[in-house]
Amino acid sequence: MKCIVDFLQGFSEHLSVIRGRRPGTVKRYVRALEVFHAWLEVRGARGAADVSAVTREDVEGWLKDLFYHHGNLKNVSRAGKLSAIKSFWRFLFYKRLIVDNPMELIPSPRVQRPMPQKFSTGQLQKIFTAPDRSVPLGVRDFAILELLYATGPRVDEVRRLSLEDLTPQGNGFLVRFFTKGGKERLVPMGKTPSASLMAWLAIREAHAEPSDEALFVSMARNMPGRRMSVGAYNEVLKRAAAHVGITNERVFVHKVRATYATDLYDMGYGIKEISLLMGHNSVATTERYIAISETALKKTRIPERRWRELEKGGKSEGGL
């Protein structure tokens, strides 16, 4: 008999190598399974010692416990944990370690997708003025900010960028990103953001470890010259936003990605084109990134001529 934790190493490798899942996803799934296993042990359930003894009722009981006793009230959070459970049992079934998979029958909590958020033109203008480009840190941060808006990457995609992922093209660069599942996509970057990137490349060597090919490197005291972490990129954006007084908004790299998609759509690009640039397999996924644009808001409001018609009509009727 083997318990859940006995299979976690193999499960992690399966997710990474066979399914092509991102490291962050693998880590979250493994953590959810560790918590579920600990819960089974506390309850003295047979499944704590043997995966074949875990039932659908065990999983449903765990989800209820998370909701009622551990403050796990958000459907999206519990849905993520259930996704880890289902993925793990599909792995067991795939490896023929179990004869059937009862977890597929558990309905997932309904997740209401939030309205996409974007930065306004005024906010972007302020954010781009924040870095002090007279110092190396400001040169790097400015290049990062402009690259984020110019190419719309996921934060993990920009973290993995290396020097070899840049190809000069005219007055700009063609940037190669590795998307979910290890697929590649190429995104063109125009003259203005490319100039900012060139300014960083001119001084990068003085701040990077000779063996590190990362495009952007850390300038923090604890790890100078090394590849930046995911959190460091969000900090660059948050620091710039806070510097110009944007403190009452949610500030994260994915919001820049939604801004990129929305602004391209606003400029007349089709959903299919934007979908390819963003590395989506479905245009339906891209549509979830399109926020209500400033131009669309102007076009859809009641025009002034209509108000004049209403006012004129009201005055005529009032005189009868």
C-alpha atoms as a PDB file:
ATOM      1  CA  MET A   1       0.000   0.000   0.000  1.00  0.00           C
ATOM      2  CA  LYS A   2       1.175   3.490  -0.842  1.00  0.00           C
ATOM      3  CA  CYS A   3      -0.186   6.864   0.220  1.00  0.00           C
ATOM      4  CA  ILE A   4      -0.500  10.138  -1.677  1.00  0.00           C
ATOM      5  CA  VAL A   5       2.919  11.516  -0.714  1.00  0.00           C
ATOM      6  CA  ASP A   6       4.659   8.404  -2.059  1.00  0.00           C
ATOM      7  CA  PHE A   7       3.603   9.346  -5.584  1.00  0.00           C
ATOM      8  CA  LEU A   8       4.212  13.110  -5.487  1.00  0.00           C
ATOM      9  CA  GLN A   9       7.690  12.969  -7.054  1.00  0.00           C
ATOM     10  CA  GLY A  10       6.406  10.953  -9.995  1.00  0.00           C
ATOM     11  CA  PHE A  11       3.346  13.192 -10.248  1.00  0.00           C
ATOM     12  CA  SER A  12       5.536  16.318 -10.343  1.00  0.00           C
ATOM     13  CA  GLU A  13       7.651  14.858 -13.136  1.00  0.00           C
ATOM     14  CA  HIS A  14       4.516  13.843 -15.034  1.00  0.00           C
ATOM     15  CA  LEU A  15       3.106  17.361 -14.815  1.00  0.00           C
ATOM     16  CA  SER A  16       6.381  18.975 -15.872  1.00  0.00           C
ATOM     17  CA  VAL A  17       7.639  16.585 -18.558  1.00  0.00           C
ATOM     18  CA  ILE A  18       4.500  14.989 -20.014  1.00  0.00           C
ATOM     19  CA  ARG A  19       1.891  17.703 -19.439  1.00  0.00           C
ATOM     20  CA  GLY A  20       4.246  20.675 -19.758  1.00  0.00           C
ATOM     21  CA  ARG A  21       2.839  22.456 -16.715  1.00  0.00           C
ATOM     22  CA  ARG A  22       4.582  25.548 -15.386  1.00  0.00           C
ATOM     23  CA  PRO A  23       6.685  25.233 -12.191  1.00  0.00           C
ATOM     24  CA  GLY A  24       4.267  27.405 -10.243  1.00  0.00           C
ATOM     25  CA  THR A  25       1.332  25.178 -11.170  1.00  0.00           C
ATOM     26  CA  VAL A  26       3.241  22.029 -10.216  1.00  0.00           C
ATOM     27  CA  LYS A  27       4.163  23.540  -6.861  1.00  0.00           C
ATOM     28  CA  ARG A  28       0.548  24.536  -6.097  1.00  0.00           C
ATOM     29  CA  TYR A  29      -0.786  21.106  -7.033  1.00  0.00           C
ATOM     30  CA  VAL A  30       1.769  19.294  -4.890  1.00  0.00           C
ATOM     31  CA  ARG A  31       1.063  21.583  -1.941  1.00  0.00           C
ATOM     32  CA  ALA A  32      -2.705  20.993  -2.232  1.00  0.00           C
ATOM     33  CA  LEU A  33      -2.148  17.226  -2.223  1.00  0.00           C
ATOM     34  CA  GLU A  34       0.128  17.445   0.817  1.00  0.00           C
ATOM     35  CA  VAL A  35      -2.566  19.360   2.691  1.00  0.00           C
ATOM     36  CA  PHE A  36      -5.223  16.854   1.634  1.00  0.00           C
ATOM     37  CA  HIS A  37      -3.029  13.950   2.779  1.00  0.00           C
ATOM     38  CA  ALA A  38      -2.453  15.629   6.169  1.00  0.00           C
ATOM     39  CA  TRP A  39      -6.220  16.105   6.531  1.00  0.00           C
ATOM     40  CA  LEU A  40      -6.790  12.403   5.843  1.00  0.00           C
ATOM     41  CA  GLU A  41      -4.203  11.484   8.495  1.00  0.00           C
ATOM     42  CA  VAL A  42      -5.857  13.676  11.134  1.00  0.00           C
ATOM     43  CA  ARG A  43      -9.194  12.010  10.404  1.00  0.00           C
ATOM     44  CA  GLY A  44      -7.641   8.565  10.526  1.00  0.00           C
ATOM     45  CA  ALA A  45      -9.034   7.805   7.079  1.00  0.00           C
ATOM     46  CA  ARG A  46      -7.915   4.643   5.301  1.00  0.00           C
ATOM     47  CA  GLY A  47      -6.884   6.780   2.332  1.00  0.00           C
ATOM     48  CA  ALA A  48      -4.065   8.282   4.387  1.00  0.00           C
ATOM     49  CA  ALA A  49      -2.229   4.989   3.949  1.00  0.00           C
ATOM     50  CA  ASP A  50      -3.554   3.766   0.602  1.00  0.00           C
ATOM     51  CA  VAL A  51      -4.547   5.931  -2.401  1.00  0.00           C
ATOM     52  CA  SER A  52      -6.932   3.222  -3.649  1.00  0.00           C
ATOM     53  CA  ALA A  53      -8.970   3.667  -0.457  1.00  0.00           C
ATOM     54  CA  VAL A  54      -9.592   7.403  -0.974  1.00  0.00           C
ATOM     55  CA  THR A  55     -13.212   8.022  -1.915  1.00  0.00           C
ATOM     56  CA  ARG A  56     -15.134  10.781  -3.566  1.00  0.00           C
ATOM     57  CA  GLU A  57     -16.771  11.413  -0.187  1.00  0.00           C
ATOM     58  CA  ASP A  58     -13.311  12.031   1.344  1.00  0.00           C
ATOM     59  CA  VAL A  59     -12.597  14.772  -1.175  1.00  0.00           C
ATOM     60  CA  GLU A  60     -16.038  16.334  -0.780  1.00  0.00           C
ATOM     61  CA  GLY A  61     -15.577  16.270   3.017  1.00  0.00           C
ATOM     62  CA  TRP A  62     -12.216  18.026   2.687  1.00  0.00           C
ATOM     63  CA  LEU A  63     -13.696  20.740   0.478  1.00  0.00           C
ATOM     64  CA  LYS A  64     -16.516  21.291   2.990  1.00  0.00           C
ATOM     65  CA  ASP A  65     -13.988  21.508   5.826  1.00  0.00           C
ATOM     66  CA  LEU A  66     -11.986  24.102   3.879  1.00  0.00           C
ATOM     67  CA  PHE A  67     -15.149  26.147   3.389  1.00  0.00           C
ATOM     68  CA  TYR A  68     -16.659  25.957   6.879  1.00  0.00           C
ATOM     69  CA  HIS A  69     -13.608  25.771   9.140  1.00  0.00           C
ATOM     70  CA  HIS A  70     -10.625  27.201   7.275  1.00  0.00           C
ATOM     71  CA  GLY A  71     -12.053  30.321   5.640  1.00  0.00           C
ATOM     72  CA  ASN A  72     -11.572  28.951   2.116  1.00  0.00           C
ATOM     73  CA  LEU A  73     -14.674  30.806   0.927  1.00  0.00           C
ATOM     74  CA  LYS A  74     -13.626  31.726  -2.597  1.00  0.00           C
ATOM     75  CA  ASN A  75     -14.801  29.267  -5.226  1.00  0.00           C
ATOM     76  CA  VAL A  76     -11.719  29.887  -7.335  1.00  0.00           C
ATOM     77  CA  SER A  77      -9.460  28.736  -4.473  1.00  0.00           C
ATOM     78  CA  ARG A  78     -11.356  25.505  -3.836  1.00  0.00           C
ATOM     79  CA  ALA A  79     -11.671  24.887  -7.574  1.00  0.00           C
ATOM     80  CA  GLY A  80      -7.876  25.072  -7.831  1.00  0.00           C
ATOM     81  CA  LYS A  81      -7.429  22.510  -5.064  1.00  0.00           C
ATOM     82  CA  LEU A  82     -10.008  20.208  -6.652  1.00  0.00           C
ATOM     83  CA  SER A  83      -8.171  20.563  -9.960  1.00  0.00           C
ATOM     84  CA  ALA A  84      -5.023  19.281  -8.221  1.00  0.00           C
ATOM     85  CA  ILE A  85      -6.944  16.277  -6.837  1.00  0.00           C
ATOM     86  CA  LYS A  86      -8.458  15.423 -10.217  1.00  0.00           C
ATOM     87  CA  SER A  87      -5.133  15.806 -12.004  1.00  0.00           C
ATOM     88  CA  PHE A  88      -3.432  13.512  -9.470  1.00  0.00           C
ATOM     89  CA  TRP A  89      -6.064  10.778  -9.822  1.00  0.00           C
ATOM     90  CA  ARG A  90      -5.869  11.029 -13.622  1.00  0.00           C
ATOM     91  CA  PHE A  91      -2.130  10.455 -13.215  1.00  0.00           C
ATOM     92  CA  LEU A  92      -2.764   7.358 -11.062  1.00  0.00           C
ATOM     93  CA  PHE A  93      -5.240   6.042 -13.610  1.00  0.00           C
ATOM     94  CA  TYR A  94      -2.831   6.779 -16.486  1.00  0.00           C
ATOM     95  CA  LYS A  95      -0.108   4.825 -14.663  1.00  0.00           C
ATOM     96  CA  ARG A  96      -2.606   1.990 -14.029  1.00  0.00           C
ATOM     97  CA  LEU A  97      -2.132   2.328 -10.292  1.00  0.00           C
ATOM     98  CA  ILE A  98      -5.912   2.408  -9.807  1.00  0.00           C
ATOM     99  CA  VAL A  99      -8.649   0.620 -11.752  1.00  0.00           C
ATOM    100  CA  ASP A 100     -11.143   3.500 -11.874  1.00  0.00           C
ATOM    101  CA  ASN A 101     -11.195   7.225 -11.204  1.00  0.00           C
ATOM    102  CA  PRO A 102     -14.048   8.363  -8.934  1.00  0.00           C
ATOM    103  CA  MET A 103     -12.804  11.945  -8.707  1.00  0.00           C
ATOM    104  CA  GLU A 104     -13.932  12.857 -12.235  1.00  0.00           C
ATOM    105  CA  LEU A 105     -17.545  12.834 -11.013  1.00  0.00           C
ATOM    106  CA  ILE A 106     -17.009  15.635  -8.469  1.00  0.00           C
ATOM    107  CA  PRO A 107     -18.428  18.923  -9.819  1.00  0.00           C
ATOM    108  CA  SER A 108     -16.083  21.874  -9.632  1.00  0.00           C
ATOM    109  CA  PRO A 109     -17.185  25.012  -7.732  1.00  0.00           C
ATOM    110  CA  ARG A 110     -18.528  27.572 -10.178  1.00  0.00           C
ATOM    111  CA  VAL A 111     -16.009  30.312 -10.791  1.00  0.00           C
ATOM    112  CA  GLN A 112     -17.269  33.757 -11.755  1.00  0.00           C
ATOM    113  CA  ARG A 113     -14.592  35.366 -13.856  1.00  0.00           C
ATOM    114  CA  PRO A 114     -13.891  38.980 -12.848  1.00  0.00           C
ATOM    115  CA  MET A 115     -14.099  41.796 -15.358  1.00  0.00           C
ATOM    116  CA  PRO A 116     -10.674  42.317 -16.953  1.00  0.00           C
ATOM    117  CA  GLN A 117      -8.752  45.295 -15.612  1.00  0.00           C
ATOM    118  CA  LYS A 118      -6.389  47.564 -17.512  1.00  0.00           C
ATOM    119  CA  PHE A 119      -4.255  50.626 -16.927  1.00  0.00           C
ATOM    120  CA  SER A 120      -5.594  53.836 -18.425  1.00  0.00           C
ATOM    121  CA  THR A 121      -3.530  55.960 -20.789  1.00  0.00           C
ATOM    122  CA  GLY A 122      -2.944  58.486 -18.019  1.00  0.00           C
ATOM    123  CA  GLN A 123      -1.738  55.797 -15.623  1.00  0.00           C
ATOM    124  CA  LEU A 124       0.673  54.363 -18.189  1.00  0.00           C
ATOM    125  CA  GLN A 125       2.068  57.818 -18.874  1.00  0.00           C
ATOM    126  CA  LYS A 126       2.747  58.284 -15.171  1.00  0.00           C
ATOM    127  CA  ILE A 127       4.239  54.817 -14.705  1.00  0.00           C
ATOM    128  CA  PHE A 128       6.695  55.331 -17.570  1.00  0.00           C
ATOM    129  CA  THR A 129       7.954  58.564 -15.995  1.00  0.00           C
ATOM    130  CA  ALA A 130       8.717  56.892 -12.648  1.00  0.00           C
ATOM    131  CA  PRO A 131      12.139  55.219 -13.208  1.00  0.00           C
ATOM    132  CA  ASP A 132      15.194  57.448 -12.746  1.00  0.00           C
ATOM    133  CA  ARG A 133      17.056  56.740 -15.974  1.00  0.00           C
ATOM    134  CA  SER A 134      20.187  58.506 -14.746  1.00  0.00           C
ATOM    135  CA  VAL A 135      21.041  55.406 -12.682  1.00  0.00           C
ATOM    136  CA  PRO A 136      21.425  51.744 -13.833  1.00  0.00           C
ATOM    137  CA  LEU A 137      18.436  50.515 -11.813  1.00  0.00           C
ATOM    138  CA  GLY A 138      16.194  53.066 -13.496  1.00  0.00           C
ATOM    139  CA  VAL A 139      17.499  52.140 -16.952  1.00  0.00           C
ATOM    140  CA  ARG A 140      16.687  48.486 -16.284  1.00  0.00           C
ATOM    141  CA  ASP A 141      13.257  49.185 -14.794  1.00  0.00           C
ATOM    142  CA  PHE A 142      12.278  51.492 -17.659  1.00  0.00           C
ATOM    143  CA  ALA A 143      13.269  48.830 -20.211  1.00  0.00           C
ATOM    144  CA  ILE A 144      11.212  46.236 -18.308  1.00  0.00           C
ATOM    145  CA  LEU A 145       8.125  48.460 -18.127  1.00  0.00           C
ATOM    146  CA  GLU A 146       8.194  49.295 -21.824  1.00  0.00           C
ATOM    147  CA  LEU A 147       8.828  45.680 -22.822  1.00  0.00           C
ATOM    148  CA  LEU A 148       5.848  44.531 -20.720  1.00  0.00           C
ATOM    149  CA  TYR A 149       3.498  46.941 -22.478  1.00  0.00           C
ATOM    150  CA  ALA A 150       5.056  46.423 -25.929  1.00  0.00           C
ATOM    151  CA  THR A 151       4.770  42.615 -25.919  1.00  0.00           C
ATOM    152  CA  GLY A 152       2.187  41.639 -23.271  1.00  0.00           C
ATOM    153  CA  PRO A 153       3.953  38.608 -21.756  1.00  0.00           C
ATOM    154  CA  ARG A 154       2.947  36.525 -18.771  1.00  0.00           C
ATOM    155  CA  VAL A 155       5.232  37.297 -15.837  1.00  0.00           C
ATOM    156  CA  ASP A 156       6.893  33.871 -15.991  1.00  0.00           C
ATOM    157  CA  GLU A 157       7.540  34.325 -19.718  1.00  0.00           C
ATOM    158  CA  VAL A 158       9.418  37.579 -19.232  1.00  0.00           C
ATOM    159  CA  ARG A 159      11.316  36.080 -16.289  1.00  0.00           C
ATOM    160  CA  ARG A 160      12.656  33.342 -18.575  1.00  0.00           C
ATOM    161  CA  LEU A 161      13.836  35.708 -21.310  1.00  0.00           C
ATOM    162  CA  SER A 162      17.503  35.329 -22.240  1.00  0.00           C
ATOM    163  CA  LEU A 163      19.758  37.329 -24.534  1.00  0.00           C
ATOM    164  CA  GLU A 164      19.352  34.717 -27.282  1.00  0.00           C
ATOM    165  CA  ASP A 165      15.600  35.386 -27.336  1.00  0.00           C
ATOM    166  CA  LEU A 166      16.149  38.782 -28.975  1.00  0.00           C
ATOM    167  CA  THR A 167      16.459  39.079 -32.748  1.00  0.00           C
ATOM    168  CA  PRO A 168      17.155  42.513 -34.294  1.00  0.00           C
ATOM    169  CA  GLN A 169      14.499  43.453 -36.847  1.00  0.00           C
ATOM    170  CA  GLY A 170      14.698  46.842 -38.550  1.00  0.00           C
ATOM    171  CA  ASN A 171      14.555  49.494 -35.839  1.00  0.00           C
ATOM    172  CA  GLY A 172      13.303  47.054 -33.252  1.00  0.00           C
ATOM    173  CA  PHE A 173      13.473  43.502 -31.936  1.00  0.00           C
ATOM    174  CA  LEU A 174      11.600  40.280 -32.444  1.00  0.00           C
ATOM    175  CA  VAL A 175      11.141  38.786 -28.978  1.00  0.00           C
ATOM    176  CA  ARG A 176      10.781  35.034 -28.503  1.00  0.00           C
ATOM    177  CA  PHE A 177       8.670  33.873 -25.587  1.00  0.00           C
ATOM    178  CA  PHE A 178       8.114  30.331 -24.362  1.00  0.00           C
ATOM    179  CA  THR A 179       4.435  29.939 -23.557  1.00  0.00           C
ATOM    180  CA  LYS A 180       2.514  27.371 -21.529  1.00  0.00           C
ATOM    181  CA  GLY A 181       3.473  23.870 -22.566  1.00  0.00           C
ATOM    182  CA  GLY A 182       6.870  24.973 -23.877  1.00  0.00           C
ATOM    183  CA  LYS A 183       5.536  26.379 -27.160  1.00  0.00           C
ATOM    184  CA  GLU A 184       7.260  29.367 -28.750  1.00  0.00           C
ATOM    185  CA  ARG A 185       5.776  32.603 -29.980  1.00  0.00           C
ATOM    186  CA  LEU A 186       7.423  35.633 -31.592  1.00  0.00           C
ATOM    187  CA  VAL A 187       6.263  39.159 -30.794  1.00  0.00           C
ATOM    188  CA  PRO A 188       7.570  42.244 -32.627  1.00  0.00           C
ATOM    189  CA  MET A 189       8.684  45.212 -30.527  1.00  0.00           C
ATOM    190  CA  GLY A 190       8.746  48.682 -32.075  1.00  0.00           C
ATOM    191  CA  LYS A 191      11.386  51.392 -32.207  1.00  0.00           C
ATOM    192  CA  THR A 192      10.590  53.242 -28.958  1.00  0.00           C
ATOM    193  CA  PRO A 193      10.612  50.307 -26.500  1.00  0.00           C
ATOM    194  CA  SER A 194      13.524  48.738 -28.395  1.00  0.00           C
ATOM    195  CA  ALA A 195      15.571  51.888 -27.793  1.00  0.00           C
ATOM    196  CA  SER A 196      14.917  51.559 -24.063  1.00  0.00           C
ATOM    197  CA  LEU A 197      16.006  47.928 -24.225  1.00  0.00           C
ATOM    198  CA  MET A 198      19.185  48.877 -26.115  1.00  0.00           C
ATOM    199  CA  ALA A 199      20.029  51.363 -23.354  1.00  0.00           C
ATOM    200  CA  TRP A 200      19.803  48.530 -20.827  1.00  0.00           C
ATOM    201  CA  LEU A 201      21.814  46.126 -22.971  1.00  0.00           C
ATOM    202  CA  ALA A 202      24.594  48.727 -23.195  1.00  0.00           C
ATOM    203  CA  ILE A 203      25.138  48.543 -19.411  1.00  0.00           C
ATOM    204  CA  ARG A 204      23.841  45.029 -18.643  1.00  0.00           C
ATOM    205  CA  GLU A 205      27.243  43.310 -18.779  1.00  0.00           C
ATOM    206  CA  ALA A 206      28.556  45.458 -15.940  1.00  0.00           C
ATOM    207  CA  HIS A 207      25.767  44.213 -13.648  1.00  0.00           C
ATOM    208  CA  ALA A 208      25.366  40.563 -14.695  1.00  0.00           C
ATOM    209  CA  GLU A 209      27.185  37.391 -13.732  1.00  0.00           C
ATOM    210  CA  PRO A 210      29.363  36.285 -16.691  1.00  0.00           C
ATOM    211  CA  SER A 211      27.619  32.902 -16.800  1.00  0.00           C
ATOM    212  CA  ASP A 212      24.073  34.286 -16.605  1.00  0.00           C
ATOM    213  CA  GLU A 213      22.351  34.765 -19.971  1.00  0.00           C
ATOM    214  CA  ALA A 214      19.186  36.278 -18.461  1.00  0.00           C
ATOM    215  CA  LEU A 215      17.975  39.377 -20.282  1.00  0.00           C
ATOM    216  CA  PHE A 216      17.184  41.193 -17.036  1.00  0.00           C
ATOM    217  CA  VAL A 217      19.234  40.587 -13.899  1.00  0.00           C
ATOM    218  CA  SER A 218      18.721  41.399 -10.254  1.00  0.00           C
ATOM    219  CA  MET A 219      20.392  44.363  -8.587  1.00  0.00           C
ATOM    220  CA  ALA A 220      19.352  43.300  -5.102  1.00  0.00           C
ATOM    221  CA  ARG A 221      22.153  42.874  -2.562  1.00  0.00           C
ATOM    222  CA  ASN A 222      21.261  39.266  -1.797  1.00  0.00           C
ATOM    223  CA  MET A 223      21.487  38.057  -5.417  1.00  0.00           C
ATOM    224  CA  PRO A 224      23.174  40.642  -7.674  1.00  0.00           C
ATOM    225  CA  GLY A 225      23.658  39.730 -11.312  1.00  0.00           C
ATOM    226  CA  ARG A 226      21.284  36.750 -11.261  1.00  0.00           C
ATOM    227  CA  ARG A 227      18.032  36.137 -13.128  1.00  0.00           C
ATOM    228  CA  MET A 228      15.158  38.081 -11.571  1.00  0.00           C
ATOM    229  CA  SER A 229      12.316  36.254  -9.841  1.00  0.00           C
ATOM    230  CA  VAL A 230       8.631  36.483 -10.738  1.00  0.00           C
ATOM    231  CA  GLY A 231       8.041  38.583  -7.628  1.00  0.00           C
ATOM    232  CA  ALA A 232      10.800  41.002  -8.632  1.00  0.00           C
ATOM    233  CA  TYR A 233       8.984  41.905 -11.861  1.00  0.00           C
ATOM    234  CA  ASN A 234       5.785  42.682 -10.010  1.00  0.00           C
ATOM    235  CA  GLU A 235       7.844  44.776  -7.583  1.00  0.00           C
ATOM    236  CA  VAL A 236       9.305  46.826 -10.462  1.00  0.00           C
ATOM    237  CA  LEU A 237       5.773  47.679 -11.587  1.00  0.00           C
ATOM    238  CA  LYS A 238       4.464  48.317  -8.079  1.00  0.00           C
ATOM    239  CA  ARG A 239       7.440  50.536  -7.247  1.00  0.00           C
ATOM    240  CA  ALA A 240       6.900  52.642 -10.367  1.00  0.00           C
ATOM    241  CA  ALA A 241       3.155  52.926  -9.729  1.00  0.00           C
ATOM    242  CA  ALA A 242       3.621  53.908  -6.082  1.00  0.00           C
ATOM    243  CA  HIS A 243       6.234  56.519  -7.068  1.00  0.00           C
ATOM    244  CA  VAL A 244       3.633  58.369  -9.156  1.00  0.00           C
ATOM    245  CA  GLY A 245       0.807  57.990  -6.645  1.00  0.00           C
ATOM    246  CA  ILE A 246      -1.029  54.959  -8.062  1.00  0.00           C
ATOM    247  CA  THR A 247      -1.654  53.240  -4.737  1.00  0.00           C
ATOM    248  CA  ASN A 248      -5.405  52.566  -4.724  1.00  0.00           C
ATOM    249  CA  GLU A 249      -5.299  50.204  -7.724  1.00  0.00           C
ATOM    250  CA  ARG A 250      -4.374  46.541  -8.069  1.00  0.00           C
ATOM    251  CA  VAL A 251      -0.948  46.618  -9.689  1.00  0.00           C
ATOM    252  CA  PHE A 252       0.514  43.455 -11.216  1.00  0.00           C
ATOM    253  CA  VAL A 253       2.164  42.370 -14.470  1.00  0.00           C
ATOM    254  CA  HIS A 254      -0.915  40.503 -15.714  1.00  0.00           C
ATOM    255  CA  LYS A 255      -2.793  43.808 -15.696  1.00  0.00           C
ATOM    256  CA  VAL A 256      -0.263  45.154 -18.200  1.00  0.00           C
ATOM    257  CA  ARG A 257      -0.945  42.062 -20.318  1.00  0.00           C
ATOM    258  CA  ALA A 258      -4.670  42.866 -20.320  1.00  0.00           C
ATOM    259  CA  THR A 259      -3.832  46.480 -21.193  1.00  0.00           C
ATOM    260  CA  TYR A 260      -1.732  45.283 -24.138  1.00  0.00           C
ATOM    261  CA  ALA A 261      -4.600  43.120 -25.454  1.00  0.00           C
ATOM    262  CA  THR A 262      -7.228  45.814 -24.974  1.00  0.00           C
ATOM    263  CA  ASP A 263      -5.173  48.576 -26.597  1.00  0.00           C
ATOM    264  CA  LEU A 264      -4.387  46.396 -29.632  1.00  0.00           C
ATOM    265  CA  TYR A 265      -8.099  45.641 -29.996  1.00  0.00           C
ATOM    266  CA  ASP A 266      -8.869  49.326 -29.562  1.00  0.00           C
ATOM    267  CA  MET A 267      -6.465  50.135 -32.409  1.00  0.00           C
ATOM    268  CA  GLY A 268      -8.318  47.866 -34.800  1.00  0.00           C
ATOM    269  CA  TYR A 269      -6.434  44.568 -34.568  1.00  0.00           C
ATOM    270  CA  GLY A 270      -8.569  41.421 -34.805  1.00  0.00           C
ATOM    271  CA  ILE A 271      -9.076  38.943 -31.991  1.00  0.00           C
ATOM    272  CA  LYS A 272      -7.293  36.199 -33.967  1.00  0.00           C
ATOM    273  CA  GLU A 273      -4.203  38.371 -34.452  1.00  0.00           C
ATOM    274  CA  ILE A 274      -4.116  39.315 -30.773  1.00  0.00           C
ATOM    275  CA  SER A 275      -4.639  35.677 -29.787  1.00  0.00           C
ATOM    276  CA  LEU A 276      -1.537  34.638 -31.753  1.00  0.00           C
ATOM    277  CA  LEU A 277       0.553  37.430 -30.227  1.00  0.00           C
ATOM    278  CA  MET A 278      -0.536  36.457 -26.717  1.00  0.00           C
ATOM    279  CA  GLY A 279       0.058  32.732 -27.199  1.00  0.00           C
ATOM    280  CA  HIS A 280      -3.541  31.643 -26.625  1.00  0.00           C
ATOM    281  CA  ASN A 281      -4.917  28.419 -28.083  1.00  0.00           C
ATOM    282  CA  SER A 282      -8.426  29.843 -28.281  1.00  0.00           C
ATOM    283  CA  VAL A 283      -9.831  33.266 -29.160  1.00  0.00           C
ATOM    284  CA  ALA A 284     -12.298  32.728 -26.309  1.00  0.00           C
ATOM    285  CA  THR A 285      -9.351  32.989 -23.898  1.00  0.00           C
ATOM    286  CA  THR A 286      -8.223  36.223 -25.556  1.00  0.00           C
ATOM    287  CA  GLU A 287     -11.703  37.724 -25.271  1.00  0.00           C
ATOM    288  CA  ARG A 288     -11.480  37.380 -21.488  1.00  0.00           C
ATOM    289  CA  TYR A 289      -8.511  39.767 -21.553  1.00  0.00           C
ATOM    290  CA  ILE A 290     -10.252  42.541 -23.453  1.00  0.00           C
ATOM    291  CA  ALA A 291     -11.301  45.169 -20.947  1.00  0.00           C
ATOM    292  CA  ILE A 292     -13.783  47.923 -21.726  1.00  0.00           C
ATOM    293  CA  SER A 293     -11.602  50.364 -23.643  1.00  0.00           C
ATOM    294  CA  GLU A 294     -11.542  54.121 -23.356  1.00  0.00           C
ATOM    295  CA  THR A 295     -12.444  54.529 -27.025  1.00  0.00           C
ATOM    296  CA  ALA A 296     -15.359  52.109 -26.698  1.00  0.00           C
ATOM    297  CA  LEU A 297     -16.672  54.037 -23.689  1.00  0.00           C
ATOM    298  CA  LYS A 298     -16.623  57.265 -25.694  1.00  0.00           C
ATOM    299  CA  LYS A 299     -18.406  55.626 -28.637  1.00  0.00           C
ATOM    300  CA  THR A 300     -21.128  53.980 -26.565  1.00  0.00           C
ATOM    301  CA  ARG A 301     -22.223  56.862 -24.349  1.00  0.00           C
ATOM    302  CA  ILE A 302     -25.422  58.752 -25.218  1.00  0.00           C
ATOM    303  CA  PRO A 303     -24.267  61.495 -27.658  1.00  0.00           C
ATOM    304  CA  GLU A 304     -24.851  65.176 -26.976  1.00  0.00           C
ATOM    305  CA  ARG A 305     -27.132  65.555 -30.015  1.00  0.00           C
ATOM    306  CA  ARG A 306     -29.534  63.089 -28.390  1.00  0.00           C
ATOM    307  CA  TRP A 307     -29.619  65.150 -25.210  1.00  0.00           C
ATOM    308  CA  ARG A 308     -30.342  68.273 -27.279  1.00  0.00           C
ATOM    309  CA  GLU A 309     -33.262  66.460 -28.956  1.00  0.00           C
ATOM    310  CA  LEU A 310     -34.643  65.453 -25.578  1.00  0.00           C
ATOM    311  CA  GLU A 311     -34.241  68.935 -24.138  1.00  0.00           C
ATOM    312  CA  LYS A 312     -35.904  70.531 -27.184  1.00  0.00           C
ATOM    313  CA  GLY A 313     -38.814  68.100 -27.037  1.00  0.00           C
ATOM    314  CA  GLY A 314     -39.262  68.640 -23.334  1.00  0.00           C
ATOM    315  CA  LYS A 315     -39.474  72.429 -23.740  1.00  0.00           C
ATOM    316  CA  SER A 316     -42.088  72.086 -26.521  1.00  0.00           C
ATOM    317  CA  GLU A 317     -44.293  69.778 -24.464  1.00  0.00           C
ATOM    318  CA  GLY A 318     -43.930  71.941 -21.416  1.00  0.00           C
ATOM    319  CA  GLY A 319     -45.471  74.912 -23.255  1.00  0.00           C
ATOM    320  CA  LEU A 320     -48.786  73.142 -24.028  1.00  0.00           C
END
